[in-house]
Amino acid sequence: MKKRFAACLLLAVAGLSTSALTQSPAPLKLVKSVTLPGYSGDFDHFAIDRVRGRILVAAEDHATLEIFDLKTGDHLKTITGFGAPHSILVRPNSSNILITDSDKMTAVLDAETYAKKDSVTLTPGADSAGYDAAANIWYIVTGGKDVKMNTAEIEAINPDTGKKLGQIQFNDNHVEAMALEKNGDRLFINLAQTNKLAVVNRKTMREIAEWPVPPAKENAMVTFDEAAHRLYVVCRNPGMVVVMNSDTGAVVSTAPAPLRADEVMMDVATHRLYVPGGQGYIGVYDTSDPDKVKEVAKVTSAPGAKTGILLPDLNIMMIAASPGETKNVAKIMTYKLQ
């Protein structure tokens, strides 16, 4: 009887040890939360200013630019004078910062003081943007339903001079986020109204393909693993990550995503994909198999926490929790990558 009990005890201990070894920690750990009382509406995109040690956040509905300390995560100052700011361009070799503003002309600010220096006249509705650092060209989405237009455009500008270098129009009134190819000339952009992903040649500013995104609607976010030839498109109806072959447009895999997402972030080195959603959690995915995206965790965040920035070299992610139309308090949350 004693031998049998001892054997059972050893098996139980061995089982517990195996469980402890295979149980991995949560991929994200909340380390700081900074509240911003009195804010309303939504936040939009982030940007990092490494030279000055700052994080910038566009508070689109509050009509401000919020500045945070990169090391501490503390709120430093609020910059006013915008209509509806969205995307932010910070370049390490430039003394200027550019902000797309859908209600006003795109603003050029002094990178040190944030005083307004100039503006760039574009089609109304300037919103999402993508930067080609090698060519020094900023691609900006303009037009669309928010400014009561039935079409939308990408306008290419030189961020130093504000000169328009080209443009392309889409028969779609809801054009969202884009991804740029580094070792080629292609740009991928979501046509959310017609549920397609457009492929644009950046040199000629001509559309070369339109790929349907059949598994879900309202495709709004996209990121690109160029080495693996995979596009990760995030849809809102229903919440879903759709993996597409970047050479053919074929859908190769899907996984559920949080509702009301407004950002997708990828760490190619660790094969991790992060999707924050207004539903109140961050979806974390393993992309090590290019043909099978796998959800590995749901990390609790906050209602309205749907935009952010991933900084793998600093081992952190920052997420903005938007009050939206609720009475929730706005906050910026800093997570440690684990």
C-alpha atoms as a PDB file:
ATOM      1  CA  MET A   1       0.000   0.000   0.000  1.00  0.00           C
ATOM      2  CA  LYS A   2       2.820   2.391   0.955  1.00  0.00           C
ATOM      3  CA  LYS A   3       4.721   1.582  -2.276  1.00  0.00           C
ATOM      4  CA  ARG A   4       1.612   2.203  -4.350  1.00  0.00           C
ATOM      5  CA  PHE A   5       0.987   5.560  -2.588  1.00  0.00           C
ATOM      6  CA  ALA A   6       4.612   6.593  -3.106  1.00  0.00           C
ATOM      7  CA  ALA A   7       4.414   5.715  -6.794  1.00  0.00           C
ATOM      8  CA  CYS A   8       1.219   7.759  -7.208  1.00  0.00           C
ATOM      9  CA  LEU A   9       2.808  10.691  -5.392  1.00  0.00           C
ATOM     10  CA  LEU A  10       5.851  10.607  -7.694  1.00  0.00           C
ATOM     11  CA  LEU A  11       3.619  10.557 -10.759  1.00  0.00           C
ATOM     12  CA  ALA A  12       1.619  13.490  -9.450  1.00  0.00           C
ATOM     13  CA  VAL A  13       4.752  15.524  -8.705  1.00  0.00           C
ATOM     14  CA  ALA A  14       6.156  14.675 -12.137  1.00  0.00           C
ATOM     15  CA  GLY A  15       2.905  15.798 -13.732  1.00  0.00           C
ATOM     16  CA  LEU A  16       2.982  19.100 -11.850  1.00  0.00           C
ATOM     17  CA  SER A  17       6.598  19.686 -12.846  1.00  0.00           C
ATOM     18  CA  THR A  18       5.849  19.047 -16.498  1.00  0.00           C
ATOM     19  CA  SER A  19       2.908  21.454 -16.355  1.00  0.00           C
ATOM     20  CA  ALA A  20       5.051  24.135 -14.722  1.00  0.00           C
ATOM     21  CA  LEU A  21       7.750  23.716 -17.373  1.00  0.00           C
ATOM     22  CA  THR A  22       5.343  23.970 -20.300  1.00  0.00           C
ATOM     23  CA  GLN A  23       3.357  26.860 -18.868  1.00  0.00           C
ATOM     24  CA  SER A  24       4.756  30.080 -20.361  1.00  0.00           C
ATOM     25  CA  PRO A  25       4.265  33.554 -18.877  1.00  0.00           C
ATOM     26  CA  ALA A  26       1.802  36.020 -20.395  1.00  0.00           C
ATOM     27  CA  PRO A  27       3.393  37.625 -23.485  1.00  0.00           C
ATOM     28  CA  LEU A  28       2.605  41.135 -22.193  1.00  0.00           C
ATOM     29  CA  LYS A  29       2.746  42.582 -18.683  1.00  0.00           C
ATOM     30  CA  LEU A  30       1.177  45.942 -17.804  1.00  0.00           C
ATOM     31  CA  VAL A  31       3.837  48.061 -16.071  1.00  0.00           C
ATOM     32  CA  LYS A  32       2.359  51.575 -16.192  1.00  0.00           C
ATOM     33  CA  SER A  33      -0.943  53.335 -16.812  1.00  0.00           C
ATOM     34  CA  VAL A  34      -1.233  57.113 -17.211  1.00  0.00           C
ATOM     35  CA  THR A  35      -4.755  58.555 -17.047  1.00  0.00           C
ATOM     36  CA  LEU A  36      -5.858  61.601 -19.036  1.00  0.00           C
ATOM     37  CA  PRO A  37      -9.036  62.900 -17.358  1.00  0.00           C
ATOM     38  CA  GLY A  38     -11.380  65.075 -19.378  1.00  0.00           C
ATOM     39  CA  TYR A  39     -10.634  63.516 -22.753  1.00  0.00           C
ATOM     40  CA  SER A  40     -13.357  62.412 -25.137  1.00  0.00           C
ATOM     41  CA  GLY A  41     -13.566  60.512 -28.404  1.00  0.00           C
ATOM     42  CA  ASP A  42     -10.789  58.465 -29.975  1.00  0.00           C
ATOM     43  CA  PHE A  43      -7.016  58.437 -30.096  1.00  0.00           C
ATOM     44  CA  ASP A  44      -5.294  57.543 -33.346  1.00  0.00           C
ATOM     45  CA  HIS A  45      -1.689  56.863 -34.301  1.00  0.00           C
ATOM     46  CA  PHE A  46       1.554  56.946 -32.284  1.00  0.00           C
ATOM     47  CA  ALA A  47       5.083  57.947 -33.287  1.00  0.00           C
ATOM     48  CA  ILE A  48       8.455  57.730 -31.560  1.00  0.00           C
ATOM     49  CA  ASP A  49      11.014  60.530 -31.389  1.00  0.00           C
ATOM     50  CA  ARG A  50      14.180  58.708 -30.318  1.00  0.00           C
ATOM     51  CA  VAL A  51      16.376  61.783 -30.632  1.00  0.00           C
ATOM     52  CA  ARG A  52      14.372  63.676 -28.006  1.00  0.00           C
ATOM     53  CA  GLY A  53      13.185  60.658 -26.017  1.00  0.00           C
ATOM     54  CA  ARG A  54       9.493  61.217 -26.621  1.00  0.00           C
ATOM     55  CA  ILE A  55       6.364  59.367 -27.685  1.00  0.00           C
ATOM     56  CA  LEU A  56       3.727  61.325 -29.634  1.00  0.00           C
ATOM     57  CA  VAL A  57       0.048  60.371 -29.768  1.00  0.00           C
ATOM     58  CA  ALA A  58      -2.623  61.931 -31.984  1.00  0.00           C
ATOM     59  CA  ALA A  59      -5.835  62.544 -30.039  1.00  0.00           C
ATOM     60  CA  GLU A  60      -8.038  62.899 -33.102  1.00  0.00           C
ATOM     61  CA  ASP A  61     -11.353  63.727 -31.434  1.00  0.00           C
ATOM     62  CA  HIS A  62      -9.779  65.814 -28.681  1.00  0.00           C
ATOM     63  CA  ALA A  63      -7.962  67.750 -31.454  1.00  0.00           C
ATOM     64  CA  THR A  64      -4.577  67.614 -29.722  1.00  0.00           C
ATOM     65  CA  LEU A  65      -1.137  66.055 -29.928  1.00  0.00           C
ATOM     66  CA  GLU A  66      -0.070  64.386 -26.674  1.00  0.00           C
ATOM     67  CA  ILE A  67       3.609  64.140 -25.733  1.00  0.00           C
ATOM     68  CA  PHE A  68       4.984  61.455 -23.395  1.00  0.00           C
ATOM     69  CA  ASP A  69       8.424  60.678 -21.987  1.00  0.00           C
ATOM     70  CA  LEU A  70       9.877  57.616 -23.702  1.00  0.00           C
ATOM     71  CA  LYS A  71      11.793  56.386 -20.623  1.00  0.00           C
ATOM     72  CA  THR A  72       9.166  56.915 -17.931  1.00  0.00           C
ATOM     73  CA  GLY A  73       5.895  56.907 -19.911  1.00  0.00           C
ATOM     74  CA  ASP A  74       4.868  60.119 -18.109  1.00  0.00           C
ATOM     75  CA  HIS A  75       2.696  62.712 -19.831  1.00  0.00           C
ATOM     76  CA  LEU A  76       4.755  65.805 -20.638  1.00  0.00           C
ATOM     77  CA  LYS A  77       2.535  68.238 -22.535  1.00  0.00           C
ATOM     78  CA  THR A  78      -0.493  68.800 -24.765  1.00  0.00           C
ATOM     79  CA  ILE A  79      -0.225  70.566 -28.127  1.00  0.00           C
ATOM     80  CA  THR A  80      -3.388  72.251 -29.442  1.00  0.00           C
ATOM     81  CA  GLY A  81      -4.384  73.917 -32.700  1.00  0.00           C
ATOM     82  CA  PHE A  82      -5.495  70.878 -34.713  1.00  0.00           C
ATOM     83  CA  GLY A  83      -8.782  69.866 -36.289  1.00  0.00           C
ATOM     84  CA  ALA A  84      -8.545  66.062 -36.267  1.00  0.00           C
ATOM     85  CA  PRO A  85      -4.922  64.836 -36.172  1.00  0.00           C
ATOM     86  CA  HIS A  86      -4.204  61.266 -37.291  1.00  0.00           C
ATOM     87  CA  SER A  87      -0.733  60.219 -38.503  1.00  0.00           C
ATOM     88  CA  ILE A  88       2.626  61.572 -37.342  1.00  0.00           C
ATOM     89  CA  LEU A  89       5.938  61.606 -39.217  1.00  0.00           C
ATOM     90  CA  VAL A  90       9.100  61.962 -37.115  1.00  0.00           C
ATOM     91  CA  ARG A  91      12.485  61.626 -38.840  1.00  0.00           C
ATOM     92  CA  PRO A  92      15.780  61.457 -36.923  1.00  0.00           C
ATOM     93  CA  ASN A  93      17.591  63.802 -39.315  1.00  0.00           C
ATOM     94  CA  SER A  94      14.843  66.425 -39.488  1.00  0.00           C
ATOM     95  CA  SER A  95      13.912  69.340 -37.263  1.00  0.00           C
ATOM     96  CA  ASN A  96      10.311  69.083 -38.474  1.00  0.00           C
ATOM     97  CA  ILE A  97       7.390  66.863 -37.513  1.00  0.00           C
ATOM     98  CA  LEU A  98       4.439  66.435 -39.888  1.00  0.00           C
ATOM     99  CA  ILE A  99       0.874  65.679 -38.751  1.00  0.00           C
ATOM    100  CA  THR A 100      -1.981  64.668 -41.062  1.00  0.00           C
ATOM    101  CA  ASP A 101      -5.158  66.529 -40.153  1.00  0.00           C
ATOM    102  CA  SER A 102      -8.456  65.593 -41.767  1.00  0.00           C
ATOM    103  CA  ASP A 103     -10.122  68.872 -40.785  1.00  0.00           C
ATOM    104  CA  LYS A 104      -7.248  71.193 -41.643  1.00  0.00           C
ATOM    105  CA  MET A 105      -4.189  71.210 -43.852  1.00  0.00           C
ATOM    106  CA  THR A 106      -1.376  68.828 -42.922  1.00  0.00           C
ATOM    107  CA  ALA A 107       0.714  70.635 -40.295  1.00  0.00           C
ATOM    108  CA  VAL A 108       4.477  71.066 -40.109  1.00  0.00           C
ATOM    109  CA  LEU A 109       5.723  71.544 -36.537  1.00  0.00           C
ATOM    110  CA  ASP A 110       9.075  72.330 -34.970  1.00  0.00           C
ATOM    111  CA  ALA A 111      10.294  68.994 -33.575  1.00  0.00           C
ATOM    112  CA  GLU A 112      11.686  70.611 -30.421  1.00  0.00           C
ATOM    113  CA  THR A 113       9.025  73.126 -29.448  1.00  0.00           C
ATOM    114  CA  TYR A 114       6.004  71.861 -31.473  1.00  0.00           C
ATOM    115  CA  ALA A 115       5.346  75.382 -32.705  1.00  0.00           C
ATOM    116  CA  LYS A 116       3.623  75.431 -36.084  1.00  0.00           C
ATOM    117  CA  LYS A 117       6.062  76.317 -38.859  1.00  0.00           C
ATOM    118  CA  ASP A 118       4.170  75.577 -42.055  1.00  0.00           C
ATOM    119  CA  SER A 119       1.396  73.544 -43.657  1.00  0.00           C
ATOM    120  CA  VAL A 120       0.973  71.298 -46.701  1.00  0.00           C
ATOM    121  CA  THR A 121      -2.162  71.716 -48.799  1.00  0.00           C
ATOM    122  CA  LEU A 122      -3.755  68.390 -49.687  1.00  0.00           C
ATOM    123  CA  THR A 123      -7.188  67.069 -50.594  1.00  0.00           C
ATOM    124  CA  PRO A 124      -9.357  67.236 -47.424  1.00  0.00           C
ATOM    125  CA  GLY A 125      -9.537  64.147 -45.233  1.00  0.00           C
ATOM    126  CA  ALA A 126      -5.799  63.467 -44.694  1.00  0.00           C
ATOM    127  CA  ASP A 127      -5.590  60.434 -42.436  1.00  0.00           C
ATOM    128  CA  SER A 128      -3.486  57.241 -42.635  1.00  0.00           C
ATOM    129  CA  ALA A 129       0.043  57.448 -43.984  1.00  0.00           C
ATOM    130  CA  GLY A 130       3.137  55.421 -44.805  1.00  0.00           C
ATOM    131  CA  TYR A 131       6.752  56.559 -45.101  1.00  0.00           C
ATOM    132  CA  ASP A 132       9.391  55.378 -47.565  1.00  0.00           C
ATOM    133  CA  ALA A 133      12.582  56.323 -45.719  1.00  0.00           C
ATOM    134  CA  ALA A 134      14.938  55.347 -48.550  1.00  0.00           C
ATOM    135  CA  ALA A 135      13.175  57.624 -51.049  1.00  0.00           C
ATOM    136  CA  ASN A 136      12.048  60.190 -48.440  1.00  0.00           C
ATOM    137  CA  ILE A 137       8.436  60.086 -49.636  1.00  0.00           C
ATOM    138  CA  TRP A 138       5.379  60.236 -47.387  1.00  0.00           C
ATOM    139  CA  TYR A 139       2.220  58.595 -48.753  1.00  0.00           C
ATOM    140  CA  ILE A 140      -1.005  60.029 -47.308  1.00  0.00           C
ATOM    141  CA  VAL A 141      -4.607  58.845 -47.636  1.00  0.00           C
ATOM    142  CA  THR A 142      -6.998  61.719 -48.401  1.00  0.00           C
ATOM    143  CA  GLY A 143     -10.653  62.114 -49.350  1.00  0.00           C
ATOM    144  CA  GLY A 144     -13.287  59.532 -48.455  1.00  0.00           C
ATOM    145  CA  LYS A 145     -16.597  59.447 -46.675  1.00  0.00           C
ATOM    146  CA  ASP A 146     -15.487  61.467 -43.637  1.00  0.00           C
ATOM    147  CA  VAL A 147     -15.235  64.525 -45.899  1.00  0.00           C
ATOM    148  CA  LYS A 148     -18.291  63.482 -47.949  1.00  0.00           C
ATOM    149  CA  MET A 149     -16.334  62.285 -50.981  1.00  0.00           C
ATOM    150  CA  ASN A 150     -17.171  59.129 -52.929  1.00  0.00           C
ATOM    151  CA  THR A 151     -13.517  58.493 -53.768  1.00  0.00           C
ATOM    152  CA  ALA A 152     -10.246  58.497 -51.864  1.00  0.00           C
ATOM    153  CA  GLU A 153      -6.637  59.070 -52.875  1.00  0.00           C
ATOM    154  CA  ILE A 154      -3.073  58.439 -51.925  1.00  0.00           C
ATOM    155  CA  GLU A 155      -1.031  61.618 -52.283  1.00  0.00           C
ATOM    156  CA  ALA A 156       2.766  61.328 -52.292  1.00  0.00           C
ATOM    157  CA  ILE A 157       4.743  64.267 -50.930  1.00  0.00           C
ATOM    158  CA  ASN A 158       8.309  65.256 -50.197  1.00  0.00           C
ATOM    159  CA  PRO A 159       8.192  65.893 -46.419  1.00  0.00           C
ATOM    160  CA  ASP A 160      11.053  68.405 -46.614  1.00  0.00           C
ATOM    161  CA  THR A 161       9.442  70.695 -49.185  1.00  0.00           C
ATOM    162  CA  GLY A 162       5.769  69.726 -49.086  1.00  0.00           C
ATOM    163  CA  LYS A 163       5.873  69.255 -52.858  1.00  0.00           C
ATOM    164  CA  LYS A 164       3.346  66.786 -54.235  1.00  0.00           C
ATOM    165  CA  LEU A 165       5.131  64.043 -56.174  1.00  0.00           C
ATOM    166  CA  GLY A 166       2.148  62.042 -57.403  1.00  0.00           C
ATOM    167  CA  GLN A 167      -1.276  60.696 -56.564  1.00  0.00           C
ATOM    168  CA  ILE A 168      -3.659  57.846 -57.275  1.00  0.00           C
ATOM    169  CA  GLN A 169      -7.444  57.743 -56.887  1.00  0.00           C
ATOM    170  CA  PHE A 170      -9.585  54.809 -55.723  1.00  0.00           C
ATOM    171  CA  ASN A 171     -13.277  54.263 -56.355  1.00  0.00           C
ATOM    172  CA  ASP A 172     -13.752  53.572 -52.662  1.00  0.00           C
ATOM    173  CA  ASN A 173     -14.870  55.995 -49.966  1.00  0.00           C
ATOM    174  CA  HIS A 174     -13.170  54.203 -47.054  1.00  0.00           C
ATOM    175  CA  VAL A 175      -9.454  53.687 -47.660  1.00  0.00           C
ATOM    176  CA  GLU A 176      -7.454  52.692 -44.601  1.00  0.00           C
ATOM    177  CA  ALA A 177      -3.965  51.612 -43.512  1.00  0.00           C
ATOM    178  CA  MET A 178      -1.116  50.722 -45.877  1.00  0.00           C
ATOM    179  CA  ALA A 179       2.105  48.661 -45.891  1.00  0.00           C
ATOM    180  CA  LEU A 180       5.175  49.453 -48.001  1.00  0.00           C
ATOM    181  CA  GLU A 181       7.555  46.976 -49.571  1.00  0.00           C
ATOM    182  CA  LYS A 182      11.214  47.741 -48.721  1.00  0.00           C
ATOM    183  CA  ASN A 183      12.865  45.582 -51.365  1.00  0.00           C
ATOM    184  CA  GLY A 184      10.524  46.582 -54.142  1.00  0.00           C
ATOM    185  CA  ASP A 185       8.154  49.289 -55.324  1.00  0.00           C
ATOM    186  CA  ARG A 186       4.809  47.962 -54.143  1.00  0.00           C
ATOM    187  CA  LEU A 187       2.414  49.538 -51.673  1.00  0.00           C
ATOM    188  CA  PHE A 188      -0.514  47.551 -50.234  1.00  0.00           C
ATOM    189  CA  ILE A 189      -3.592  49.443 -49.031  1.00  0.00           C
ATOM    190  CA  ASN A 190      -6.998  48.492 -47.649  1.00  0.00           C
ATOM    191  CA  LEU A 191     -10.086  49.433 -49.666  1.00  0.00           C
ATOM    192  CA  ALA A 192     -12.501  48.873 -46.791  1.00  0.00           C
ATOM    193  CA  GLN A 193     -15.726  49.856 -48.545  1.00  0.00           C
ATOM    194  CA  THR A 194     -15.270  47.356 -51.381  1.00  0.00           C
ATOM    195  CA  ASN A 195     -13.510  44.763 -49.180  1.00  0.00           C
ATOM    196  CA  LYS A 196     -10.316  44.578 -51.253  1.00  0.00           C
ATOM    197  CA  LEU A 197      -6.593  45.059 -50.860  1.00  0.00           C
ATOM    198  CA  ALA A 198      -5.128  47.277 -53.580  1.00  0.00           C
ATOM    199  CA  VAL A 199      -1.558  46.866 -54.844  1.00  0.00           C
ATOM    200  CA  VAL A 200       0.100  50.059 -56.088  1.00  0.00           C
ATOM    201  CA  ASN A 201       3.399  50.586 -57.889  1.00  0.00           C
ATOM    202  CA  ARG A 202       4.942  53.477 -55.964  1.00  0.00           C
ATOM    203  CA  LYS A 203       7.197  54.588 -58.817  1.00  0.00           C
ATOM    204  CA  THR A 204       4.412  54.967 -61.359  1.00  0.00           C
ATOM    205  CA  MET A 205       1.612  55.607 -58.816  1.00  0.00           C
ATOM    206  CA  ARG A 206      -0.580  53.151 -60.711  1.00  0.00           C
ATOM    207  CA  GLU A 207      -2.726  50.351 -59.336  1.00  0.00           C
ATOM    208  CA  ILE A 208      -1.437  46.963 -60.506  1.00  0.00           C
ATOM    209  CA  ALA A 209      -3.891  44.646 -58.711  1.00  0.00           C
ATOM    210  CA  GLU A 210      -6.953  44.466 -56.472  1.00  0.00           C
ATOM    211  CA  TRP A 211      -7.250  41.381 -54.282  1.00  0.00           C
ATOM    212  CA  PRO A 212     -10.564  40.477 -52.573  1.00  0.00           C
ATOM    213  CA  VAL A 213     -10.463  39.787 -48.829  1.00  0.00           C
ATOM    214  CA  PRO A 214     -13.309  37.226 -48.707  1.00  0.00           C
ATOM    215  CA  PRO A 215     -13.152  35.826 -45.137  1.00  0.00           C
ATOM    216  CA  ALA A 216     -14.381  39.062 -43.453  1.00  0.00           C
ATOM    217  CA  LYS A 217     -15.457  42.636 -44.150  1.00  0.00           C
ATOM    218  CA  GLU A 218     -14.154  46.083 -43.186  1.00  0.00           C
ATOM    219  CA  ASN A 219     -10.484  45.267 -43.756  1.00  0.00           C
ATOM    220  CA  ALA A 220      -8.825  48.221 -42.078  1.00  0.00           C
ATOM    221  CA  MET A 221      -5.291  47.345 -40.883  1.00  0.00           C
ATOM    222  CA  VAL A 222      -2.340  45.658 -42.548  1.00  0.00           C
ATOM    223  CA  THR A 223       1.259  44.760 -41.749  1.00  0.00           C
ATOM    224  CA  PHE A 224       3.827  42.988 -43.885  1.00  0.00           C
ATOM    225  CA  ASP A 225       6.361  40.213 -43.278  1.00  0.00           C
ATOM    226  CA  GLU A 226       8.320  40.758 -46.464  1.00  0.00           C
ATOM    227  CA  ALA A 227      10.753  37.864 -46.013  1.00  0.00           C
ATOM    228  CA  ALA A 228       7.898  35.396 -45.547  1.00  0.00           C
ATOM    229  CA  HIS A 229       5.809  36.950 -48.368  1.00  0.00           C
ATOM    230  CA  ARG A 230       2.842  37.324 -46.015  1.00  0.00           C
ATOM    231  CA  LEU A 231       0.409  40.202 -45.475  1.00  0.00           C
ATOM    232  CA  TYR A 232      -1.551  40.266 -42.215  1.00  0.00           C
ATOM    233  CA  VAL A 233      -4.838  42.058 -42.856  1.00  0.00           C
ATOM    234  CA  VAL A 234      -7.094  42.782 -39.880  1.00  0.00           C
ATOM    235  CA  CYS A 235     -10.839  43.033 -40.462  1.00  0.00           C
ATOM    236  CA  ARG A 236     -13.557  44.397 -38.191  1.00  0.00           C
ATOM    237  CA  ASN A 237     -16.642  42.483 -39.341  1.00  0.00           C
ATOM    238  CA  PRO A 238     -16.162  40.043 -37.766  1.00  0.00           C
ATOM    239  CA  GLY A 239     -12.869  40.654 -35.969  1.00  0.00           C
ATOM    240  CA  MET A 240     -10.347  38.572 -37.894  1.00  0.00           C
ATOM    241  CA  VAL A 241      -6.695  38.326 -38.921  1.00  0.00           C
ATOM    242  CA  VAL A 242      -6.509  37.324 -42.586  1.00  0.00           C
ATOM    243  CA  VAL A 243      -3.134  36.100 -43.864  1.00  0.00           C
ATOM    244  CA  MET A 244      -2.531  36.685 -47.570  1.00  0.00           C
ATOM    245  CA  ASN A 245       0.276  35.699 -49.918  1.00  0.00           C
ATOM    246  CA  SER A 246       1.922  38.977 -50.965  1.00  0.00           C
ATOM    247  CA  ASP A 247       2.813  37.592 -54.399  1.00  0.00           C
ATOM    248  CA  THR A 248      -0.608  36.253 -55.405  1.00  0.00           C
ATOM    249  CA  GLY A 249      -3.192  37.702 -52.999  1.00  0.00           C
ATOM    250  CA  ALA A 250      -4.322  34.198 -52.017  1.00  0.00           C
ATOM    251  CA  VAL A 251      -5.735  33.812 -48.501  1.00  0.00           C
ATOM    252  CA  VAL A 252      -3.679  31.189 -46.666  1.00  0.00           C
ATOM    253  CA  SER A 253      -4.904  31.394 -43.049  1.00  0.00           C
ATOM    254  CA  THR A 254      -7.246  33.197 -40.645  1.00  0.00           C
ATOM    255  CA  ALA A 255      -7.622  33.655 -36.894  1.00  0.00           C
ATOM    256  CA  PRO A 256     -10.156  35.513 -34.710  1.00  0.00           C
ATOM    257  CA  ALA A 257      -9.266  39.056 -33.647  1.00  0.00           C
ATOM    258  CA  PRO A 258     -10.713  41.460 -31.075  1.00  0.00           C
ATOM    259  CA  LEU A 259     -13.589  43.656 -32.153  1.00  0.00           C
ATOM    260  CA  ARG A 260     -13.117  47.359 -32.934  1.00  0.00           C
ATOM    261  CA  ALA A 261      -9.379  46.983 -33.619  1.00  0.00           C
ATOM    262  CA  ASP A 262      -7.545  49.960 -35.100  1.00  0.00           C
ATOM    263  CA  GLU A 263      -3.930  48.770 -35.140  1.00  0.00           C
ATOM    264  CA  VAL A 264      -1.813  45.749 -36.014  1.00  0.00           C
ATOM    265  CA  MET A 265       1.815  45.471 -34.915  1.00  0.00           C
ATOM    266  CA  MET A 266       4.405  42.873 -35.879  1.00  0.00           C
ATOM    267  CA  ASP A 267       7.719  41.819 -34.393  1.00  0.00           C
ATOM    268  CA  VAL A 268       9.254  39.860 -37.266  1.00  0.00           C
ATOM    269  CA  ALA A 269      12.250  38.711 -35.187  1.00  0.00           C
ATOM    270  CA  THR A 270      10.082  36.877 -32.623  1.00  0.00           C
ATOM    271  CA  HIS A 271       7.269  35.930 -35.037  1.00  0.00           C
ATOM    272  CA  ARG A 272       4.720  37.774 -32.921  1.00  0.00           C
ATOM    273  CA  LEU A 273       1.679  39.703 -34.137  1.00  0.00           C
ATOM    274  CA  TYR A 274      -0.322  41.996 -31.830  1.00  0.00           C
ATOM    275  CA  VAL A 275      -3.850  43.310 -32.425  1.00  0.00           C
ATOM    276  CA  PRO A 276      -5.319  45.678 -29.791  1.00  0.00           C
ATOM    277  CA  GLY A 277      -9.109  45.957 -29.853  1.00  0.00           C
ATOM    278  CA  GLY A 278     -11.692  48.254 -28.349  1.00  0.00           C
ATOM    279  CA  GLN A 279     -13.353  45.112 -27.023  1.00  0.00           C
ATOM    280  CA  GLY A 280     -10.842  45.230 -24.157  1.00  0.00           C
ATOM    281  CA  TYR A 281      -8.032  42.829 -24.992  1.00  0.00           C
ATOM    282  CA  ILE A 282      -4.896  42.503 -27.131  1.00  0.00           C
ATOM    283  CA  GLY A 283      -4.811  39.484 -29.408  1.00  0.00           C
ATOM    284  CA  VAL A 284      -1.339  37.907 -29.560  1.00  0.00           C
ATOM    285  CA  TYR A 285      -0.450  35.587 -32.456  1.00  0.00           C
ATOM    286  CA  ASP A 286       2.381  33.262 -33.456  1.00  0.00           C
ATOM    287  CA  THR A 287       3.406  33.742 -37.111  1.00  0.00           C
ATOM    288  CA  SER A 288       6.359  31.336 -37.188  1.00  0.00           C
ATOM    289  CA  ASP A 289       4.459  29.155 -39.663  1.00  0.00           C
ATOM    290  CA  PRO A 290       3.731  31.444 -42.655  1.00  0.00           C
ATOM    291  CA  ASP A 291       0.797  29.254 -43.660  1.00  0.00           C
ATOM    292  CA  LYS A 292      -0.887  29.116 -40.245  1.00  0.00           C
ATOM    293  CA  VAL A 293      -1.370  32.096 -37.966  1.00  0.00           C
ATOM    294  CA  LYS A 294      -2.058  30.931 -34.398  1.00  0.00           C
ATOM    295  CA  GLU A 295      -3.659  32.895 -31.586  1.00  0.00           C
ATOM    296  CA  VAL A 296      -1.576  32.275 -28.443  1.00  0.00           C
ATOM    297  CA  ALA A 297      -3.007  34.737 -25.904  1.00  0.00           C
ATOM    298  CA  LYS A 298      -5.660  37.305 -25.108  1.00  0.00           C
ATOM    299  CA  VAL A 299      -4.123  39.948 -22.870  1.00  0.00           C
ATOM    300  CA  THR A 300      -6.609  42.087 -20.952  1.00  0.00           C
ATOM    301  CA  SER A 301      -6.297  45.793 -21.722  1.00  0.00           C
ATOM    302  CA  ALA A 302      -9.240  48.219 -21.369  1.00  0.00           C
ATOM    303  CA  PRO A 303     -12.403  49.176 -23.278  1.00  0.00           C
ATOM    304  CA  GLY A 304     -11.452  51.382 -26.226  1.00  0.00           C
ATOM    305  CA  ALA A 305      -7.769  50.332 -26.171  1.00  0.00           C
ATOM    306  CA  LYS A 306      -7.377  49.942 -29.920  1.00  0.00           C
ATOM    307  CA  THR A 307      -4.284  51.864 -31.107  1.00  0.00           C
ATOM    308  CA  GLY A 308      -0.664  51.568 -30.067  1.00  0.00           C
ATOM    309  CA  ILE A 309       3.014  51.339 -30.909  1.00  0.00           C
ATOM    310  CA  LEU A 310       5.375  48.373 -30.607  1.00  0.00           C
ATOM    311  CA  LEU A 311       9.028  49.037 -29.697  1.00  0.00           C
ATOM    312  CA  PRO A 312      10.768  45.644 -29.651  1.00  0.00           C
ATOM    313  CA  ASP A 313      14.244  47.104 -29.096  1.00  0.00           C
ATOM    314  CA  LEU A 314      12.985  48.714 -25.873  1.00  0.00           C
ATOM    315  CA  ASN A 315      10.933  45.636 -24.995  1.00  0.00           C
ATOM    316  CA  ILE A 316       7.715  47.643 -24.630  1.00  0.00           C
ATOM    317  CA  MET A 317       4.348  48.284 -26.234  1.00  0.00           C
ATOM    318  CA  MET A 318       2.208  51.356 -25.569  1.00  0.00           C
ATOM    319  CA  ILE A 319      -1.566  51.299 -26.026  1.00  0.00           C
ATOM    320  CA  ALA A 320      -4.056  54.188 -26.025  1.00  0.00           C
ATOM    321  CA  ALA A 321      -7.423  53.528 -24.385  1.00  0.00           C
ATOM    322  CA  SER A 322      -9.923  55.855 -26.045  1.00  0.00           C
ATOM    323  CA  PRO A 323     -12.987  57.034 -24.105  1.00  0.00           C
ATOM    324  CA  GLY A 324     -15.020  56.895 -27.324  1.00  0.00           C
ATOM    325  CA  GLU A 325     -18.638  57.708 -26.554  1.00  0.00           C
ATOM    326  CA  THR A 326     -18.454  56.179 -23.073  1.00  0.00           C
ATOM    327  CA  LYS A 327     -17.593  57.756 -19.726  1.00  0.00           C
ATOM    328  CA  ASN A 328     -14.357  55.764 -19.445  1.00  0.00           C
ATOM    329  CA  VAL A 329     -11.239  57.722 -18.519  1.00  0.00           C
ATOM    330  CA  ALA A 330      -8.669  57.981 -21.311  1.00  0.00           C
ATOM    331  CA  LYS A 331      -5.306  56.406 -20.552  1.00  0.00           C
ATOM    332  CA  ILE A 332      -2.012  55.361 -22.059  1.00  0.00           C
ATOM    333  CA  MET A 333      -0.861  51.904 -20.948  1.00  0.00           C
ATOM    334  CA  THR A 334       2.707  50.620 -21.176  1.00  0.00           C
ATOM    335  CA  TYR A 335       3.300  46.867 -21.442  1.00  0.00           C
ATOM    336  CA  LYS A 336       6.542  44.938 -21.094  1.00  0.00           C
ATOM    337  CA  LEU A 337       7.137  42.251 -23.711  1.00  0.00           C
ATOM    338  CA  GLN A 338       7.782  38.863 -22.100  1.00  0.00           C
END
